[in-house]
Amino acid sequence: MHKNMTDEEIKETMKQTARVAGLDLSDERIEADLSHMKSHLDAIDVVAEVNLRLEDEPVPTFRLEKKP
């Protein structure tokens, strides 16, 4: 889907996502991170192309640690 988006549309999406997360990213930061975001979106596309049965889907593992 992102292949049809312009750089400006991706930047706006990044700004909106950051705002929802409570972050106030500058335009310079958005510009600096644009290439990384595009790589991230490309990686998501690669993973989405693999047809896995539901039981084959990777399960994220989290380890919670208490703060001292």
PDB file of N, CA and C in Angstrom:
ATOM      1  N   MET A   1       0.810  -1.185   0.000  1.00  0.00           N
ATOM      2  CA  MET A   1       0.000   0.000   0.000  1.00  0.00           C
ATOM      3  C   MET A   1       0.858   1.255   0.000  1.00  0.00           C
ATOM      4  N   HIS A   2       1.941   1.242   0.738  1.00  0.00           N
ATOM      5  CA  HIS A   2       2.764   2.452   0.819  1.00  0.00           C
ATOM      6  C   HIS A   2       3.456   2.766  -0.498  1.00  0.00           C
ATOM      7  N   LYS A   3       3.533   1.806  -1.387  1.00  0.00           N
ATOM      8  CA  LYS A   3       4.174   2.054  -2.684  1.00  0.00           C
ATOM      9  C   LYS A   3       3.410   3.108  -3.477  1.00  0.00           C
ATOM     10  N   ASN A   4       2.128   3.263  -3.177  1.00  0.00           N
ATOM     11  CA  ASN A   4       1.297   4.249  -3.863  1.00  0.00           C
ATOM     12  C   ASN A   4       1.316   5.602  -3.162  1.00  0.00           C
ATOM     13  N   MET A   5       2.001   5.686  -2.038  1.00  0.00           N
ATOM     14  CA  MET A   5       2.022   6.928  -1.261  1.00  0.00           C
ATOM     15  C   MET A   5       3.222   7.785  -1.656  1.00  0.00           C
ATOM     16  N   THR A   6       3.009   9.086  -1.669  1.00  0.00           N
ATOM     17  CA  THR A   6       4.124  10.003  -1.906  1.00  0.00           C
ATOM     18  C   THR A   6       4.912  10.153  -0.605  1.00  0.00           C
ATOM     19  N   ASP A   7       6.112  10.719  -0.715  1.00  0.00           N
ATOM     20  CA  ASP A   7       6.910  10.976   0.476  1.00  0.00           C
ATOM     21  C   ASP A   7       6.160  11.885   1.446  1.00  0.00           C
ATOM     22  N   GLU A   8       5.449  12.862   0.915  1.00  0.00           N
ATOM     23  CA  GLU A   8       4.693  13.791   1.770  1.00  0.00           C
ATOM     24  C   GLU A   8       3.588  13.060   2.529  1.00  0.00           C
ATOM     25  N   GLU A   9       2.939  12.108   1.879  1.00  0.00           N
ATOM     26  CA  GLU A   9       1.887  11.337   2.550  1.00  0.00           C
ATOM     27  C   GLU A   9       2.471  10.459   3.651  1.00  0.00           C
ATOM     28  N   ILE A  10       3.626   9.874   3.389  1.00  0.00           N
ATOM     29  CA  ILE A  10       4.285   9.054   4.410  1.00  0.00           C
ATOM     30  C   ILE A  10       4.709   9.932   5.585  1.00  0.00           C
ATOM     31  N   LYS A  11       5.258  11.104   5.299  1.00  0.00           N
ATOM     32  CA  LYS A  11       5.661  12.025   6.365  1.00  0.00           C
ATOM     33  C   LYS A  11       4.462  12.426   7.216  1.00  0.00           C
ATOM     34  N   GLU A  12       3.342  12.721   6.577  1.00  0.00           N
ATOM     35  CA  GLU A  12       2.136  13.109   7.325  1.00  0.00           C
ATOM     36  C   GLU A  12       1.660  11.967   8.205  1.00  0.00           C
ATOM     37  N   THR A  13       1.732  10.750   7.690  1.00  0.00           N
ATOM     38  CA  THR A  13       1.357   9.577   8.479  1.00  0.00           C
ATOM     39  C   THR A  13       2.294   9.424   9.667  1.00  0.00           C
ATOM     40  N   MET A  14       3.586   9.658   9.452  1.00  0.00           N
ATOM     41  CA  MET A  14       4.549   9.583  10.547  1.00  0.00           C
ATOM     42  C   MET A  14       4.225  10.624  11.622  1.00  0.00           C
ATOM     43  N   LYS A  15       3.884  11.833  11.197  1.00  0.00           N
ATOM     44  CA  LYS A  15       3.543  12.907  12.150  1.00  0.00           C
ATOM     45  C   LYS A  15       2.307  12.532  12.956  1.00  0.00           C
ATOM     46  N   GLN A  16       1.289  12.013  12.263  1.00  0.00           N
ATOM     47  CA  GLN A  16       0.058  11.640  12.954  1.00  0.00           C
ATOM     48  C   GLN A  16       0.286  10.501  13.941  1.00  0.00           C
ATOM     49  N   THR A  17       1.086   9.518  13.533  1.00  0.00           N
ATOM     50  CA  THR A  17       1.388   8.398  14.416  1.00  0.00           C
ATOM     51  C   THR A  17       2.154   8.872  15.643  1.00  0.00           C
ATOM     52  N   ALA A  18       3.117   9.754  15.440  1.00  0.00           N
ATOM     53  CA  ALA A  18       3.887  10.300  16.560  1.00  0.00           C
ATOM     54  C   ALA A  18       2.976  11.079  17.500  1.00  0.00           C
ATOM     55  N   ARG A  19       2.066  11.850  16.939  1.00  0.00           N
ATOM     56  CA  ARG A  19       1.139  12.640  17.759  1.00  0.00           C
ATOM     57  C   ARG A  19       0.275  11.729  18.626  1.00  0.00           C
ATOM     58  N   VAL A  20      -0.224  10.636  18.044  1.00  0.00           N
ATOM     59  CA  VAL A  20      -1.044   9.680  18.793  1.00  0.00           C
ATOM     60  C   VAL A  20      -0.230   9.055  19.930  1.00  0.00           C
ATOM     61  N   ALA A  21       1.060   8.843  19.689  1.00  0.00           N
ATOM     62  CA  ALA A  21       1.942   8.256  20.703  1.00  0.00           C
ATOM     63  C   ALA A  21       2.405   9.283  21.734  1.00  0.00           C
ATOM     64  N   GLY A  22       1.974  10.531  21.569  1.00  0.00           N
ATOM     65  CA  GLY A  22       2.350  11.559  22.528  1.00  0.00           C
ATOM     66  C   GLY A  22       3.704  12.172  22.267  1.00  0.00           C
ATOM     67  N   LEU A  23       4.205  12.016  21.056  1.00  0.00           N
ATOM     68  CA  LEU A  23       5.509  12.569  20.692  1.00  0.00           C
ATOM     69  C   LEU A  23       5.318  13.797  19.809  1.00  0.00           C
ATOM     70  N   ASP A  24       6.203  14.735  19.939  1.00  0.00           N
ATOM     71  CA  ASP A  24       6.150  15.930  19.116  1.00  0.00           C
ATOM     72  C   ASP A  24       7.434  15.972  18.283  1.00  0.00           C
ATOM     73  N   LEU A  25       7.397  15.299  17.134  1.00  0.00           N
ATOM     74  CA  LEU A  25       8.592  15.209  16.305  1.00  0.00           C
ATOM     75  C   LEU A  25       8.692  16.416  15.379  1.00  0.00           C
ATOM     76  N   SER A  26       9.885  16.945  15.262  1.00  0.00           N
ATOM     77  CA  SER A  26      10.117  18.085  14.375  1.00  0.00           C
ATOM     78  C   SER A  26      10.112  17.621  12.921  1.00  0.00           C
ATOM     79  N   ASP A  27       9.938  18.582  12.027  1.00  0.00           N
ATOM     80  CA  ASP A  27       9.994  18.267  10.600  1.00  0.00           C
ATOM     81  C   ASP A  27      11.358  17.719  10.213  1.00  0.00           C
ATOM     82  N   GLU A  28      12.406  18.215  10.866  1.00  0.00           N
ATOM     83  CA  GLU A  28      13.768  17.719  10.590  1.00  0.00           C
ATOM     84  C   GLU A  28      13.897  16.257  10.978  1.00  0.00           C
ATOM     85  N   ARG A  29      13.315  15.882  12.107  1.00  0.00           N
ATOM     86  CA  ARG A  29      13.376  14.491  12.558  1.00  0.00           C
ATOM     87  C   ARG A  29      12.585  13.594  11.617  1.00  0.00           C
ATOM     88  N   ILE A  30      11.412  14.060  11.199  1.00  0.00           N
ATOM     89  CA  ILE A  30      10.595  13.289  10.256  1.00  0.00           C
ATOM     90  C   ILE A  30      11.370  13.080   8.957  1.00  0.00           C
ATOM     91  N   GLU A  31      12.006  14.135   8.468  1.00  0.00           N
ATOM     92  CA  GLU A  31      12.781  14.047   7.226  1.00  0.00           C
ATOM     93  C   GLU A  31      13.945  13.071   7.383  1.00  0.00           C
ATOM     94  N   ALA A  32      14.619  13.130   8.523  1.00  0.00           N
ATOM     95  CA  ALA A  32      15.773  12.252   8.766  1.00  0.00           C
ATOM     96  C   ALA A  32      15.347  10.784   8.865  1.00  0.00           C
ATOM     97  N   ASP A  33      14.147  10.538   9.378  1.00  0.00           N
ATOM     98  CA  ASP A  33      13.679   9.165   9.578  1.00  0.00           C
ATOM     99  C   ASP A  33      12.897   8.598   8.393  1.00  0.00           C
ATOM    100  N   LEU A  34      12.652   9.412   7.375  1.00  0.00           N
ATOM    101  CA  LEU A  34      11.830   8.971   6.242  1.00  0.00           C
ATOM    102  C   LEU A  34      12.391   7.720   5.562  1.00  0.00           C
ATOM    103  N   SER A  35      13.678   7.694   5.304  1.00  0.00           N
ATOM    104  CA  SER A  35      14.250   6.527   4.607  1.00  0.00           C
ATOM    105  C   SER A  35      14.131   5.268   5.460  1.00  0.00           C
ATOM    106  N   HIS A  36      14.259   5.411   6.778  1.00  0.00           N
ATOM    107  CA  HIS A  36      14.115   4.256   7.667  1.00  0.00           C
ATOM    108  C   HIS A  36      12.670   3.764   7.689  1.00  0.00           C
ATOM    109  N   MET A  37      11.741   4.703   7.661  1.00  0.00           N
ATOM    110  CA  MET A  37      10.333   4.329   7.635  1.00  0.00           C
ATOM    111  C   MET A  37      10.001   3.594   6.351  1.00  0.00           C
ATOM    112  N   LYS A  38      10.531   4.051   5.232  1.00  0.00           N
ATOM    113  CA  LYS A  38      10.290   3.383   3.960  1.00  0.00           C
ATOM    114  C   LYS A  38      10.868   1.966   3.972  1.00  0.00           C
ATOM    115  N   SER A  39      12.039   1.798   4.562  1.00  0.00           N
ATOM    116  CA  SER A  39      12.633   0.456   4.689  1.00  0.00           C
ATOM    117  C   SER A  39      11.767  -0.434   5.574  1.00  0.00           C
ATOM    118  N   HIS A  40      11.246   0.145   6.647  1.00  0.00           N
ATOM    119  CA  HIS A  40      10.372  -0.596   7.553  1.00  0.00           C
ATOM    120  C   HIS A  40       9.108  -1.043   6.816  1.00  0.00           C
ATOM    121  N   LEU A  41       8.519  -0.159   6.044  1.00  0.00           N
ATOM    122  CA  LEU A  41       7.317  -0.505   5.287  1.00  0.00           C
ATOM    123  C   LEU A  41       7.613  -1.563   4.231  1.00  0.00           C
ATOM    124  N   ASP A  42       8.788  -1.490   3.610  1.00  0.00           N
ATOM    125  CA  ASP A  42       9.192  -2.530   2.652  1.00  0.00           C
ATOM    126  C   ASP A  42       9.298  -3.890   3.340  1.00  0.00           C
ATOM    127  N   ALA A  43       9.858  -3.911   4.539  1.00  0.00           N
ATOM    128  CA  ALA A  43      10.007  -5.169   5.288  1.00  0.00           C
ATOM    129  C   ALA A  43       8.635  -5.739   5.644  1.00  0.00           C
ATOM    130  N   ILE A  44       7.701  -4.880   6.005  1.00  0.00           N
ATOM    131  CA  ILE A  44       6.341  -5.346   6.303  1.00  0.00           C
ATOM    132  C   ILE A  44       5.727  -5.995   5.062  1.00  0.00           C
ATOM    133  N   ASP A  45       5.954  -5.403   3.895  1.00  0.00           N
ATOM    134  CA  ASP A  45       5.434  -5.978   2.652  1.00  0.00           C
ATOM    135  C   ASP A  45       6.027  -7.354   2.392  1.00  0.00           C
ATOM    136  N   VAL A  46       7.318  -7.509   2.632  1.00  0.00           N
ATOM    137  CA  VAL A  46       7.985  -8.804   2.408  1.00  0.00           C
ATOM    138  C   VAL A  46       7.374  -9.868   3.310  1.00  0.00           C
ATOM    139  N   VAL A  47       7.187  -9.538   4.572  1.00  0.00           N
ATOM    140  CA  VAL A  47       6.605 -10.497   5.516  1.00  0.00           C
ATOM    141  C   VAL A  47       5.162 -10.819   5.126  1.00  0.00           C
ATOM    142  N   ALA A  48       4.421  -9.818   4.691  1.00  0.00           N
ATOM    143  CA  ALA A  48       3.018 -10.028   4.329  1.00  0.00           C
ATOM    144  C   ALA A  48       2.865 -10.920   3.099  1.00  0.00           C
ATOM    145  N   GLU A  49       3.887 -10.997   2.266  1.00  0.00           N
ATOM    146  CA  GLU A  49       3.819 -11.824   1.062  1.00  0.00           C
ATOM    147  C   GLU A  49       3.937 -13.312   1.356  1.00  0.00           C
ATOM    148  N   VAL A  50       4.425 -13.669   2.529  1.00  0.00           N
ATOM    149  CA  VAL A  50       4.590 -15.073   2.896  1.00  0.00           C
ATOM    150  C   VAL A  50       3.251 -15.599   3.397  1.00  0.00           C
ATOM    151  N   ASN A  51       2.785 -16.647   2.780  1.00  0.00           N
ATOM    152  CA  ASN A  51       1.514 -17.242   3.192  1.00  0.00           C
ATOM    153  C   ASN A  51       1.764 -18.244   4.314  1.00  0.00           C
ATOM    154  N   LEU A  52       1.397 -17.850   5.517  1.00  0.00           N
ATOM    155  CA  LEU A  52       1.542 -18.722   6.680  1.00  0.00           C
ATOM    156  C   LEU A  52       0.161 -19.065   7.214  1.00  0.00           C
ATOM    157  N   ARG A  53       0.023 -20.298   7.655  1.00  0.00           N
ATOM    158  CA  ARG A  53      -1.207 -20.660   8.360  1.00  0.00           C
ATOM    159  C   ARG A  53      -1.177 -19.931   9.698  1.00  0.00           C
ATOM    160  N   LEU A  54      -2.317 -19.733  10.271  1.00  0.00           N
ATOM    161  CA  LEU A  54      -2.397 -18.989  11.522  1.00  0.00           C
ATOM    162  C   LEU A  54      -1.493 -19.589  12.588  1.00  0.00           C
ATOM    163  N   GLU A  55      -1.450 -20.904  12.682  1.00  0.00           N
ATOM    164  CA  GLU A  55      -0.629 -21.544  13.710  1.00  0.00           C
ATOM    165  C   GLU A  55       0.877 -21.409  13.421  1.00  0.00           C
ATOM    166  N   ASP A  56       1.236 -21.021  12.206  1.00  0.00           N
ATOM    167  CA  ASP A  56       2.640 -20.818  11.863  1.00  0.00           C
ATOM    168  C   ASP A  56       3.115 -19.385  12.112  1.00  0.00           C
ATOM    169  N   GLU A  57       2.183 -18.501  12.402  1.00  0.00           N
ATOM    170  CA  GLU A  57       2.548 -17.099  12.616  1.00  0.00           C
ATOM    171  C   GLU A  57       3.485 -16.990  13.816  1.00  0.00           C
ATOM    172  N   PRO A  58       4.494 -16.149  13.700  1.00  0.00           N
ATOM    173  CA  PRO A  58       5.398 -15.973  14.844  1.00  0.00           C
ATOM    174  C   PRO A  58       4.664 -15.287  15.999  1.00  0.00           C
ATOM    175  N   VAL A  59       4.973 -15.731  17.181  1.00  0.00           N
ATOM    176  CA  VAL A  59       4.368 -15.151  18.375  1.00  0.00           C
ATOM    177  C   VAL A  59       5.424 -14.270  19.048  1.00  0.00           C
ATOM    178  N   PRO A  60       5.099 -13.010  19.259  1.00  0.00           N
ATOM    179  CA  PRO A  60       6.074 -12.149  19.927  1.00  0.00           C
ATOM    180  C   PRO A  60       6.268 -12.602  21.381  1.00  0.00           C
ATOM    181  N   THR A  61       7.483 -12.555  21.829  1.00  0.00           N
ATOM    182  CA  THR A  61       7.800 -12.933  23.199  1.00  0.00           C
ATOM    183  C   THR A  61       8.233 -11.694  23.949  1.00  0.00           C
ATOM    184  N   PHE A  62       7.625 -11.493  25.099  1.00  0.00           N
ATOM    185  CA  PHE A  62       7.961 -10.342  25.922  1.00  0.00           C
ATOM    186  C   PHE A  62       8.454 -10.833  27.270  1.00  0.00           C
ATOM    187  N   ARG A  63       9.396 -10.118  27.806  1.00  0.00           N
ATOM    188  CA  ARG A  63       9.887 -10.430  29.136  1.00  0.00           C
ATOM    189  C   ARG A  63       9.757  -9.156  29.964  1.00  0.00           C
ATOM    190  N   LEU A  64       8.935  -9.228  30.990  1.00  0.00           N
ATOM    191  CA  LEU A  64       8.753  -8.088  31.853  1.00  0.00           C
ATOM    192  C   LEU A  64       9.758  -8.142  32.993  1.00  0.00           C
ATOM    193  N   GLU A  65      10.373  -7.044  33.265  1.00  0.00           N
ATOM    194  CA  GLU A  65      11.327  -6.978  34.358  1.00  0.00           C
ATOM    195  C   GLU A  65      10.902  -5.904  35.321  1.00  0.00           C
ATOM    196  N   LYS A  66      11.029  -6.205  36.599  1.00  0.00           N
ATOM    197  CA  LYS A  66      10.710  -5.204  37.605  1.00  0.00           C
ATOM    198  C   LYS A  66      11.830  -4.197  37.689  1.00  0.00           C
ATOM    199  N   LYS A  67      11.444  -2.938  37.824  1.00  0.00           N
ATOM    200  CA  LYS A  67      12.450  -1.907  38.042  1.00  0.00           C
ATOM    201  C   LYS A  67      12.858  -1.941  39.515  1.00  0.00           C
ATOM    202  N   PRO A  68      14.146  -1.805  39.758  1.00  0.00           N
ATOM    203  CA  PRO A  68      14.592  -1.832  41.164  1.00  0.00           C
ATOM    204  C   PRO A  68      14.094  -0.644  41.951  1.00  0.00           C
TER     205      PRO A  68
END
